[in-house]
Amino acid sequence: MKILINDQPHEFAPAAPLRDALTAIDAKPPFAVALNGVFIPRSEYPARTLTEGDRIEVIRPVTGG
């Protein structure tokens, strides 16, 4: 199935867990995740499954001045 991660297409098996998507992009903390515009708590990453056409945004904090 096709999933967009930060507007980039990726292929995953049906019902893949969200954590598989994060592993695919080598996401390193700290970051936050929005699935279809809804922020997902870190505790739900392993249990949350993906469906065709989902959009994932991985947001990293920006520091500086």
N, C-alpha and C. Protein backbone atom coordinates (compact mmCIF):
# COMPACT_ATOMS: atom_id res chain seq x y z
N MET A 1 0.85 -1.18 0.00
CA MET A 1 0.00 0.00 0.00
C MET A 1 0.89 1.23 0.00
N LYS A 2 0.37 2.32 -0.54
CA LYS A 2 1.12 3.57 -0.63
C LYS A 2 0.77 4.49 0.54
N ILE A 3 1.82 5.04 1.15
CA ILE A 3 1.71 5.97 2.27
C ILE A 3 2.62 7.16 1.94
N LEU A 4 2.21 8.36 2.29
CA LEU A 4 3.08 9.52 2.15
C LEU A 4 3.69 9.84 3.51
N ILE A 5 5.00 9.97 3.53
CA ILE A 5 5.71 10.39 4.74
C ILE A 5 6.43 11.68 4.39
N ASN A 6 6.04 12.76 5.03
CA ASN A 6 6.58 14.09 4.72
C ASN A 6 6.53 14.34 3.21
N ASP A 7 5.38 14.03 2.63
CA ASP A 7 5.09 14.24 1.21
C ASP A 7 5.91 13.36 0.25
N GLN A 8 6.59 12.34 0.77
CA GLN A 8 7.35 11.41 -0.07
C GLN A 8 6.63 10.06 -0.06
N PRO A 9 6.40 9.46 -1.23
CA PRO A 9 5.70 8.17 -1.28
C PRO A 9 6.57 7.03 -0.77
N HIS A 10 5.93 6.11 -0.05
CA HIS A 10 6.58 4.90 0.47
C HIS A 10 5.60 3.75 0.32
N GLU A 11 6.13 2.53 0.17
CA GLU A 11 5.31 1.32 0.05
C GLU A 11 5.46 0.48 1.32
N PHE A 12 4.33 0.01 1.84
CA PHE A 12 4.31 -0.85 3.02
C PHE A 12 3.31 -1.97 2.81
N ALA A 13 3.48 -3.03 3.59
CA ALA A 13 2.51 -4.12 3.58
C ALA A 13 1.20 -3.62 4.18
N PRO A 14 0.07 -4.19 3.79
CA PRO A 14 -1.21 -3.79 4.38
C PRO A 14 -1.19 -3.91 5.90
N ALA A 15 -1.79 -2.93 6.56
CA ALA A 15 -1.91 -2.87 8.02
C ALA A 15 -0.56 -2.82 8.73
N ALA A 16 0.45 -2.24 8.08
CA ALA A 16 1.75 -2.07 8.72
C ALA A 16 1.61 -1.13 9.91
N PRO A 17 2.37 -1.36 10.98
CA PRO A 17 2.31 -0.45 12.12
C PRO A 17 3.03 0.87 11.82
N LEU A 18 2.60 1.90 12.48
CA LEU A 18 3.21 3.23 12.32
C LEU A 18 4.71 3.17 12.58
N ARG A 19 5.14 2.36 13.53
CA ARG A 19 6.57 2.30 13.83
C ARG A 19 7.38 1.83 12.63
N ASP A 20 6.80 1.00 11.73
CA ASP A 20 7.50 0.58 10.51
C ASP A 20 7.80 1.78 9.62
N ALA A 21 6.87 2.70 9.54
CA ALA A 21 7.08 3.91 8.74
C ALA A 21 8.20 4.75 9.33
N LEU A 22 8.23 4.85 10.64
CA LEU A 22 9.28 5.64 11.30
C LEU A 22 10.65 4.99 11.12
N THR A 23 10.67 3.67 11.16
CA THR A 23 11.92 2.94 10.92
C THR A 23 12.39 3.14 9.48
N ALA A 24 11.46 3.16 8.54
CA ALA A 24 11.80 3.31 7.12
C ALA A 24 12.51 4.62 6.82
N ILE A 25 12.19 5.66 7.58
CA ILE A 25 12.84 6.96 7.35
C ILE A 25 13.95 7.22 8.37
N ASP A 26 14.24 6.21 9.20
CA ASP A 26 15.30 6.30 10.21
C ASP A 26 15.08 7.50 11.14
N ALA A 27 13.84 7.66 11.60
CA ALA A 27 13.50 8.76 12.50
C ALA A 27 14.21 8.60 13.84
N LYS A 28 14.87 9.64 14.27
CA LYS A 28 15.58 9.66 15.55
C LYS A 28 14.95 10.72 16.45
N PRO A 29 14.67 10.37 17.72
CA PRO A 29 14.09 11.36 18.64
C PRO A 29 15.03 12.55 18.80
N PRO A 30 14.51 13.71 19.07
CA PRO A 30 13.10 14.00 19.36
C PRO A 30 12.32 14.31 18.08
N PHE A 31 11.09 13.86 18.04
CA PHE A 31 10.18 14.18 16.94
C PHE A 31 8.75 13.95 17.41
N ALA A 32 7.82 14.52 16.67
CA ALA A 32 6.39 14.28 16.89
C ALA A 32 5.83 13.75 15.58
N VAL A 33 4.72 13.01 15.66
CA VAL A 33 4.13 12.41 14.47
C VAL A 33 2.66 12.79 14.37
N ALA A 34 2.28 13.23 13.17
CA ALA A 34 0.86 13.47 12.87
C ALA A 34 0.46 12.48 11.78
N LEU A 35 -0.64 11.79 12.00
CA LEU A 35 -1.19 10.84 11.03
C LEU A 35 -2.50 11.43 10.53
N ASN A 36 -2.52 11.78 9.25
CA ASN A 36 -3.70 12.42 8.65
C ASN A 36 -4.12 13.66 9.43
N GLY A 37 -3.12 14.43 9.87
CA GLY A 37 -3.38 15.70 10.56
C GLY A 37 -3.65 15.60 12.04
N VAL A 38 -3.59 14.39 12.62
CA VAL A 38 -3.86 14.20 14.05
C VAL A 38 -2.58 13.71 14.71
N PHE A 39 -2.14 14.43 15.74
CA PHE A 39 -0.93 14.01 16.45
C PHE A 39 -1.18 12.71 17.19
N ILE A 40 -0.20 11.81 17.11
CA ILE A 40 -0.30 10.48 17.71
C ILE A 40 0.68 10.40 18.88
N PRO A 41 0.21 10.01 20.07
CA PRO A 41 1.13 9.84 21.20
C PRO A 41 2.15 8.73 20.92
N ARG A 42 3.35 8.91 21.38
CA ARG A 42 4.43 7.93 21.19
C ARG A 42 4.01 6.54 21.65
N SER A 43 3.24 6.47 22.71
CA SER A 43 2.81 5.17 23.25
C SER A 43 1.93 4.39 22.27
N GLU A 44 1.35 5.07 21.28
CA GLU A 44 0.48 4.41 20.30
C GLU A 44 1.21 3.99 19.02
N TYR A 45 2.48 4.35 18.84
CA TYR A 45 3.20 4.03 17.61
C TYR A 45 3.17 2.54 17.28
N PRO A 46 3.46 1.64 18.25
CA PRO A 46 3.51 0.21 17.90
C PRO A 46 2.14 -0.37 17.51
N ALA A 47 1.07 0.12 18.13
CA ALA A 47 -0.26 -0.46 17.90
C ALA A 47 -1.03 0.20 16.76
N ARG A 48 -0.66 1.41 16.38
CA ARG A 48 -1.40 2.13 15.33
C ARG A 48 -1.05 1.55 13.97
N THR A 49 -2.05 1.09 13.23
CA THR A 49 -1.81 0.51 11.91
C THR A 49 -2.13 1.53 10.82
N LEU A 50 -1.47 1.36 9.71
CA LEU A 50 -1.62 2.27 8.58
C LEU A 50 -2.58 1.68 7.56
N THR A 51 -3.22 2.58 6.79
CA THR A 51 -4.10 2.16 5.70
C THR A 51 -3.69 2.91 4.44
N GLU A 52 -4.09 2.36 3.30
CA GLU A 52 -3.78 2.95 2.00
C GLU A 52 -4.11 4.45 1.99
N GLY A 53 -3.14 5.26 1.53
CA GLY A 53 -3.36 6.68 1.37
C GLY A 53 -3.11 7.52 2.61
N ASP A 54 -2.71 6.91 3.72
CA ASP A 54 -2.41 7.69 4.92
C ASP A 54 -1.30 8.68 4.64
N ARG A 55 -1.36 9.81 5.36
CA ARG A 55 -0.33 10.85 5.27
C ARG A 55 0.29 11.01 6.64
N ILE A 56 1.60 10.82 6.72
CA ILE A 56 2.33 10.94 7.96
C ILE A 56 3.25 12.15 7.87
N GLU A 57 3.23 12.96 8.90
CA GLU A 57 4.17 14.07 9.01
C GLU A 57 5.02 13.82 10.25
N VAL A 58 6.33 13.80 10.05
CA VAL A 58 7.27 13.67 11.16
C VAL A 58 7.88 15.05 11.36
N ILE A 59 7.64 15.61 12.54
CA ILE A 59 8.05 16.99 12.82
C ILE A 59 9.14 16.98 13.87
N ARG A 60 10.24 17.65 13.55
CA ARG A 60 11.35 17.75 14.48
C ARG A 60 11.40 19.17 15.04
N PRO A 61 11.81 19.31 16.31
CA PRO A 61 11.90 20.65 16.89
C PRO A 61 13.02 21.44 16.22
N VAL A 62 12.82 22.74 16.17
CA VAL A 62 13.81 23.63 15.59
C VAL A 62 14.32 24.51 16.72
N THR A 63 15.65 24.59 16.83
CA THR A 63 16.24 25.44 17.86
C THR A 63 17.10 26.50 17.20
N GLY A 64 17.44 27.48 17.95
CA GLY A 64 18.27 28.54 17.43
C GLY A 64 17.66 29.89 17.70
N GLY A 65 18.25 30.89 17.17
CA GLY A 65 17.74 32.21 17.48
C GLY A 65 18.00 33.15 16.44
